[in-house]
C-alpha atoms as a PDB file:
ATOM      1  CA  UNK A   1     -10.529   4.119  11.625  1.00  0.00           C
ATOM      2  CA  UNK A   2     -10.341   0.842   9.710  1.00  0.00           C
ATOM      3  CA  UNK A   3     -11.007  -2.439  11.529  1.00  0.00           C
ATOM      4  CA  UNK A   4      -7.443  -3.678  11.102  1.00  0.00           C
ATOM      5  CA  UNK A   5      -6.092  -0.463  12.668  1.00  0.00           C
ATOM      6  CA  UNK A   6      -8.077  -1.009  15.870  1.00  0.00           C
ATOM      7  CA  UNK A   7      -6.831  -4.579  16.183  1.00  0.00           C
ATOM      8  CA  UNK A   8      -3.266  -3.542  15.346  1.00  0.00           C
ATOM      9  CA  UNK A   9      -3.201  -0.687  17.874  1.00  0.00           C
ATOM     10  CA  UNK A  10      -4.668  -2.923  20.577  1.00  0.00           C
ATOM     11  CA  UNK A  11      -1.648  -5.224  20.177  1.00  0.00           C
ATOM     12  CA  UNK A  12       1.068  -2.567  20.372  1.00  0.00           C
ATOM     13  CA  UNK A  13       2.959  -3.144  23.606  1.00  0.00           C
ATOM     14  CA  UNK A  14       6.519  -2.700  24.839  1.00  0.00           C
ATOM     15  CA  UNK A  15       9.127  -5.315  23.994  1.00  0.00           C
ATOM     16  CA  UNK A  16       9.298  -6.243  27.685  1.00  0.00           C
ATOM     17  CA  UNK A  17       5.556  -6.846  27.884  1.00  0.00           C
ATOM     18  CA  UNK A  18       5.500  -8.768  24.607  1.00  0.00           C
ATOM     19  CA  UNK A  19       8.166 -11.293  25.618  1.00  0.00           C
ATOM     20  CA  UNK A  20       6.457 -11.983  28.955  1.00  0.00           C
ATOM     21  CA  UNK A  21       4.013 -14.066  26.907  1.00  0.00           C
ATOM     22  CA  UNK A  22       6.740 -16.602  26.092  1.00  0.00           C
ATOM     23  CA  UNK A  23       5.981 -19.736  28.171  1.00  0.00           C
ATOM     24  CA  UNK A  24       8.564 -21.924  29.870  1.00  0.00           C
ATOM     25  CA  UNK A  25       9.628 -25.072  28.050  1.00  0.00           C
ATOM     26  CA  UNK A  26       8.666 -23.774  24.616  1.00  0.00           C
ATOM     27  CA  UNK A  27      10.468 -23.584  21.266  1.00  0.00           C
ATOM     28  CA  UNK A  28      11.174 -20.003  20.153  1.00  0.00           C
ATOM     29  CA  UNK A  29      12.369 -19.318  16.617  1.00  0.00           C
ATOM     30  CA  UNK A  30      14.103 -16.044  15.715  1.00  0.00           C
ATOM     31  CA  UNK A  31      13.791 -14.255  12.392  1.00  0.00           C
ATOM     32  CA  UNK A  32      16.744 -14.953  10.113  1.00  0.00           C
ATOM     33  CA  UNK A  33      19.967 -12.887   9.963  1.00  0.00           C
ATOM     34  CA  UNK A  34      19.292  -9.145   9.515  1.00  0.00           C
ATOM     35  CA  UNK A  35      15.624  -9.849  10.240  1.00  0.00           C
ATOM     36  CA  UNK A  36      16.406 -10.886  13.821  1.00  0.00           C
ATOM     37  CA  UNK A  37      14.190  -8.770  16.117  1.00  0.00           C
ATOM     38  CA  UNK A  38      16.968  -7.281  18.235  1.00  0.00           C
ATOM     39  CA  UNK A  39      14.716  -5.385  20.655  1.00  0.00           C
ATOM     40  CA  UNK A  40      12.653  -8.484  21.443  1.00  0.00           C
ATOM     41  CA  UNK A  41      15.733 -10.680  21.896  1.00  0.00           C
ATOM     42  CA  UNK A  42      17.337  -8.074  24.168  1.00  0.00           C
ATOM     43  CA  UNK A  43      14.158  -7.852  26.270  1.00  0.00           C
ATOM     44  CA  UNK A  44      14.017 -11.645  26.528  1.00  0.00           C
ATOM     45  CA  UNK A  45      17.668 -11.832  27.626  1.00  0.00           C
ATOM     46  CA  UNK A  46      17.247  -8.954  30.111  1.00  0.00           C
ATOM     47  CA  UNK A  47      14.480 -10.950  31.816  1.00  0.00           C
ATOM     48  CA  UNK A  48      16.159 -14.362  31.489  1.00  0.00           C
ATOM     49  CA  UNK A  49      15.458 -15.331  35.121  1.00  0.00           C
ATOM     50  CA  UNK A  50      11.736 -15.596  34.386  1.00  0.00           C
ATOM     51  CA  UNK A  51      12.347 -18.382  31.849  1.00  0.00           C
ATOM     52  CA  UNK A  52      13.117 -22.069  32.300  1.00  0.00           C
ATOM     53  CA  UNK A  53      14.152 -24.457  29.555  1.00  0.00           C
ATOM     54  CA  UNK A  54      13.229 -22.219  26.641  1.00  0.00           C
ATOM     55  CA  UNK A  55      14.743 -23.530  23.417  1.00  0.00           C
ATOM     56  CA  UNK A  56      15.835 -20.806  20.984  1.00  0.00           C
ATOM     57  CA  UNK A  57      16.454 -21.694  17.353  1.00  0.00           C
ATOM     58  CA  UNK A  58      17.590 -19.669  14.361  1.00  0.00           C
ATOM     59  CA  UNK A  59      19.542 -20.106  11.174  1.00  0.00           C
ATOM     60  CA  UNK A  60      22.089 -17.339  11.577  1.00  0.00           C
ATOM     61  CA  UNK A  61      22.029 -14.987  14.522  1.00  0.00           C
ATOM     62  CA  UNK A  62      23.541 -11.629  13.659  1.00  0.00           C
ATOM     63  CA  UNK A  63      22.695 -10.029  16.974  1.00  0.00           C
ATOM     64  CA  UNK A  64      24.777 -10.095  20.131  1.00  0.00           C
ATOM     65  CA  UNK A  65      23.905 -13.720  20.887  1.00  0.00           C
ATOM     66  CA  UNK A  66      23.588 -12.965  24.611  1.00  0.00           C
ATOM     67  CA  UNK A  67      21.167 -15.875  25.040  1.00  0.00           C
ATOM     68  CA  UNK A  68      24.267 -18.085  24.577  1.00  0.00           C
ATOM     69  CA  UNK A  69      26.129 -16.643  27.592  1.00  0.00           C
ATOM     70  CA  UNK A  70      27.073 -19.124  30.370  1.00  0.00           C
ATOM     71  CA  UNK A  71      24.686 -17.531  32.905  1.00  0.00           C
ATOM     72  CA  UNK A  72      21.776 -18.343  30.578  1.00  0.00           C
ATOM     73  CA  UNK A  73      22.203 -22.069  31.188  1.00  0.00           C
ATOM     74  CA  UNK A  74      18.952 -23.584  32.413  1.00  0.00           C
ATOM     75  CA  UNK A  75      17.016 -20.612  31.070  1.00  0.00           C
ATOM     76  CA  UNK A  76      17.808 -20.808  27.333  1.00  0.00           C
ATOM     77  CA  UNK A  77      19.144 -23.629  25.186  1.00  0.00           C
ATOM     78  CA  UNK A  78      20.060 -22.815  21.619  1.00  0.00           C
ATOM     79  CA  UNK A  79      19.461 -25.036  18.628  1.00  0.00           C
ATOM     80  CA  UNK A  80      21.688 -23.654  15.894  1.00  0.00           C
ATOM     81  CA  UNK A  81      20.531 -24.486  12.391  1.00  0.00           C
ATOM     82  CA  UNK A  82      23.661 -22.793  11.067  1.00  0.00           C
ATOM     83  CA  UNK A  83      26.890 -22.372  12.999  1.00  0.00           C
ATOM     84  CA  UNK A  84      28.607 -18.983  13.116  1.00  0.00           C
ATOM     85  CA  UNK A  85      30.968 -16.965  15.287  1.00  0.00           C
ATOM     86  CA  UNK A  86      28.384 -16.337  18.026  1.00  0.00           C
ATOM     87  CA  UNK A  87      27.104 -19.901  18.250  1.00  0.00           C
ATOM     88  CA  UNK A  88      30.177 -22.123  17.760  1.00  0.00           C
ATOM     89  CA  UNK A  89      31.696 -21.815  21.281  1.00  0.00           C
ATOM     90  CA  UNK A  90      28.421 -22.872  22.929  1.00  0.00           C
ATOM     91  CA  UNK A  91      27.934 -25.665  20.377  1.00  0.00           C
ATOM     92  CA  UNK A  92      31.414 -27.050  21.049  1.00  0.00           C
ATOM     93  CA  UNK A  93      30.815 -26.892  24.795  1.00  0.00           C
ATOM     94  CA  UNK A  94      27.617 -28.895  24.311  1.00  0.00           C
ATOM     95  CA  UNK A  95      25.753 -27.734  27.406  1.00  0.00           C
ATOM     96  CA  UNK A  96      24.071 -24.569  26.161  1.00  0.00           C
ATOM     97  CA  UNK A  97      23.627 -25.303  22.463  1.00  0.00           C
ATOM     98  CA  UNK A  98      23.474 -28.008  19.862  1.00  0.00           C
ATOM     99  CA  UNK A  99      23.713 -28.004  16.095  1.00  0.00           C
ATOM    100  CA  UNK A 100      21.164 -29.361  13.636  1.00  0.00           C
ATOM    101  CA  UNK A 101      22.555 -28.838  10.118  1.00  0.00           C
ATOM    102  CA  UNK A 102      19.651 -27.740   7.991  1.00  0.00           C
ATOM    103  CA  UNK A 103      19.313 -25.736   4.789  1.00  0.00           C
ATOM    104  CA  UNK A 104      16.764 -22.926   4.578  1.00  0.00           C
ATOM    105  CA  UNK A 105      14.485 -24.985   2.332  1.00  0.00           C
ATOM    106  CA  UNK A 106      14.716 -27.944   4.761  1.00  0.00           C
ATOM    107  CA  UNK A 107      13.862 -25.645   7.664  1.00  0.00           C
ATOM    108  CA  UNK A 108      10.830 -24.263   5.889  1.00  0.00           C
ATOM    109  CA  UNK A 109       9.623 -27.780   5.123  1.00  0.00           C
ATOM    110  CA  UNK A 110      10.260 -28.941   8.717  1.00  0.00           C
ATOM    111  CA  UNK A 111       8.372 -25.974  10.189  1.00  0.00           C
ATOM    112  CA  UNK A 112       5.437 -26.579   7.827  1.00  0.00           C
ATOM    113  CA  UNK A 113       5.062 -30.339   8.332  1.00  0.00           C
ATOM    114  CA  UNK A 114       5.605 -30.240  12.118  1.00  0.00           C
ATOM    115  CA  UNK A 115       8.933 -32.099  12.116  1.00  0.00           C
ATOM    116  CA  UNK A 116      10.409 -29.020  13.830  1.00  0.00           C
ATOM    117  CA  UNK A 117       7.448 -27.461  15.677  1.00  0.00           C
ATOM    118  CA  UNK A 118       7.587 -23.775  16.589  1.00  0.00           C
ATOM    119  CA  UNK A 119       5.712 -22.484  19.629  1.00  0.00           C
ATOM    120  CA  UNK A 120       6.712 -18.809  19.376  1.00  0.00           C
ATOM    121  CA  UNK A 121       8.124 -16.952  16.372  1.00  0.00           C
ATOM    122  CA  UNK A 122       9.956 -13.692  17.106  1.00  0.00           C
ATOM    123  CA  UNK A 123      10.122 -11.745  13.837  1.00  0.00           C
ATOM    124  CA  UNK A 124      10.754  -8.261  12.428  1.00  0.00           C
ATOM    125  CA  UNK A 125       8.264  -6.573  10.114  1.00  0.00           C
ATOM    126  CA  UNK A 126       7.632  -3.222   8.475  1.00  0.00           C
ATOM    127  CA  UNK A 127       4.870  -0.931   9.737  1.00  0.00           C
ATOM    128  CA  UNK A 128       1.547  -1.838   8.077  1.00  0.00           C
ATOM    129  CA  UNK A 129       0.525  -0.220   4.804  1.00  0.00           C
ATOM    130  CA  UNK A 130      -2.895   1.326   4.164  1.00  0.00           C
ATOM    131  CA  UNK A 131      -4.496  -2.090   3.775  1.00  0.00           C
ATOM    132  CA  UNK A 132      -3.039  -3.547   6.972  1.00  0.00           C
ATOM    133  CA  UNK A 133      -0.312  -5.613   5.363  1.00  0.00           C
ATOM    134  CA  UNK A 134       3.204  -5.780   6.774  1.00  0.00           C
ATOM    135  CA  UNK A 135       6.319  -7.019   4.994  1.00  0.00           C
ATOM    136  CA  UNK A 136       8.989  -9.359   6.354  1.00  0.00           C
ATOM    137  CA  UNK A 137      11.497  -7.163   4.548  1.00  0.00           C
ATOM    138  CA  UNK A 138      14.984  -8.645   4.312  1.00  0.00           C
ATOM    139  CA  UNK A 139      14.100 -11.935   6.035  1.00  0.00           C
ATOM    140  CA  UNK A 140      11.497 -13.953   4.189  1.00  0.00           C
ATOM    141  CA  UNK A 141      12.947 -17.440   3.488  1.00  0.00           C
ATOM    142  CA  UNK A 142      12.123 -19.760   6.401  1.00  0.00           C
ATOM    143  CA  UNK A 143      10.950 -16.890   8.648  1.00  0.00           C
ATOM    144  CA  UNK A 144       7.654 -16.667   6.781  1.00  0.00           C
ATOM    145  CA  UNK A 145       6.950 -20.379   7.197  1.00  0.00           C
ATOM    146  CA  UNK A 146       7.990 -20.322  10.877  1.00  0.00           C
ATOM    147  CA  UNK A 147       5.601 -17.424  11.560  1.00  0.00           C
ATOM    148  CA  UNK A 148       2.795 -19.068   9.614  1.00  0.00           C
ATOM    149  CA  UNK A 149       3.089 -22.312  11.587  1.00  0.00           C
ATOM    150  CA  UNK A 150       3.931 -20.956  15.054  1.00  0.00           C
ATOM    151  CA  UNK A 151       1.351 -21.088  17.826  1.00  0.00           C
ATOM    152  CA  UNK A 152       2.184 -17.474  18.687  1.00  0.00           C
ATOM    153  CA  UNK A 153       3.875 -14.682  16.730  1.00  0.00           C
ATOM    154  CA  UNK A 154       5.518 -11.687  18.394  1.00  0.00           C
ATOM    155  CA  UNK A 155       6.602  -9.076  15.855  1.00  0.00           C
ATOM    156  CA  UNK A 156       8.973  -6.168  16.237  1.00  0.00           C
ATOM    157  CA  UNK A 157       7.585  -3.409  14.036  1.00  0.00           C
ATOM    158  CA  UNK A 158      10.614  -1.648  12.607  1.00  0.00           C
ATOM    159  CA  UNK A 159      10.193   1.546  10.591  1.00  0.00           C
ATOM    160  CA  UNK A 160      13.631   1.022   9.041  1.00  0.00           C
ATOM    161  CA  UNK A 161      12.866  -2.443   7.680  1.00  0.00           C
ATOM    162  CA  UNK A 162      12.606  -2.107   3.885  1.00  0.00           C
ATOM    163  CA  UNK A 163       9.369  -3.161   2.233  1.00  0.00           C
ATOM    164  CA  UNK A 164       9.978  -6.074  -0.120  1.00  0.00           C
ATOM    165  CA  UNK A 165       7.571  -7.828  -2.455  1.00  0.00           C
ATOM    166  CA  UNK A 166       7.136 -11.439  -3.548  1.00  0.00           C
ATOM    167  CA  UNK A 167       6.111 -13.553  -0.557  1.00  0.00           C
ATOM    168  CA  UNK A 168       7.266 -10.967   1.985  1.00  0.00           C
ATOM    169  CA  UNK A 169       3.939  -9.125   2.522  1.00  0.00           C
ATOM    170  CA  UNK A 170       1.551 -10.758   4.962  1.00  0.00           C
ATOM    171  CA  UNK A 171      -1.471  -9.612   6.967  1.00  0.00           C
ATOM    172  CA  UNK A 172      -0.936  -7.563  10.103  1.00  0.00           C
ATOM    173  CA  UNK A 173       0.614 -10.188  12.414  1.00  0.00           C
ATOM    174  CA  UNK A 174      -1.589 -12.364  14.583  1.00  0.00           C
ATOM    175  CA  UNK A 175       0.808 -11.597  17.369  1.00  0.00           C
ATOM    176  CA  UNK A 176       0.306 -11.502  21.078  1.00  0.00           C
ATOM    177  CA  UNK A 177       2.383  -8.326  21.118  1.00  0.00           C
ATOM    178  CA  UNK A 178       3.821  -6.065  18.464  1.00  0.00           C
ATOM    179  CA  UNK A 179       6.259  -3.359  19.408  1.00  0.00           C
ATOM    180  CA  UNK A 180       7.294  -0.379  17.352  1.00  0.00           C
ATOM    181  CA  UNK A 181      11.091  -0.297  17.414  1.00  0.00           C
ATOM    182  CA  UNK A 182      12.679   2.302  15.162  1.00  0.00           C
ATOM    183  CA  UNK A 183      16.248   1.461  14.351  1.00  0.00           C
ATOM    184  CA  UNK A 184      18.392  -0.325  11.825  1.00  0.00           C
ATOM    185  CA  UNK A 185      18.017  -3.981  10.954  1.00  0.00           C
ATOM    186  CA  UNK A 186      20.395  -6.250  12.825  1.00  0.00           C
ATOM    187  CA  UNK A 187      23.874  -5.696  11.359  1.00  0.00           C
ATOM    188  CA  UNK A 188      26.433  -8.407  10.966  1.00  0.00           C
ATOM    189  CA  UNK A 189      29.169  -7.951  13.603  1.00  0.00           C
ATOM    190  CA  UNK A 190      31.848  -9.545  11.436  1.00  0.00           C
ATOM    191  CA  UNK A 191      30.986  -8.620   7.851  1.00  0.00           C
ATOM    192  CA  UNK A 192      32.137  -5.474   6.118  1.00  0.00           C
ATOM    193  CA  UNK A 193      31.541  -4.506   2.488  1.00  0.00           C
ATOM    194  CA  UNK A 194      34.256  -5.746   0.158  1.00  0.00           C
ATOM    195  CA  UNK A 195      36.724  -3.209  -1.105  1.00  0.00           C
ATOM    196  CA  UNK A 196      36.530  -2.315  -4.744  1.00  0.00           C
ATOM    197  CA  UNK A 197      39.332  -3.701  -6.794  1.00  0.00           C
ATOM    198  CA  UNK A 198      41.229  -1.211  -8.814  1.00  0.00           C
ATOM    199  CA  UNK A 199      41.201  -1.851 -12.569  1.00  0.00           C
END
């Protein structure tokens, strides 16, 4: 067995166990859009009573957005870097969310220079290849920079995340907990493929 395999297997835990490592009062950043780690977010929300004043940021949540529900007040506060259907009601209310307009390139720069510090990055990755690399798949953009600069990375290992090249591959995550979660990437709840126009 290769050295990276031993380290990787020692970090495989359940989603529930992985998110227990998230400390109170920290800044959690979620992987972007279809790269949102649904199993980790669901485990975090299911155990919301264990958290106090955890700030959750993301560019576009495509999951259920349960961390925005009224009963989450005092446990989670959302910083939306992009407003969408799930986040707008809480933003308008002003008690459970706020809005910081920021482009992806601005987010990446802010994560890197410490203007927007990240304590915990929750991301989705592919299973590792033979050399121990994983890919961020469909969510590279600011997710890669957030993971690189976070104090802790918790990765959902998803065997249905497509392997992409460019800057997507990275070493097997230095995560407190990685959890193998077969299943599709997070789908958009409001988007459907456009119909073909007839000629």
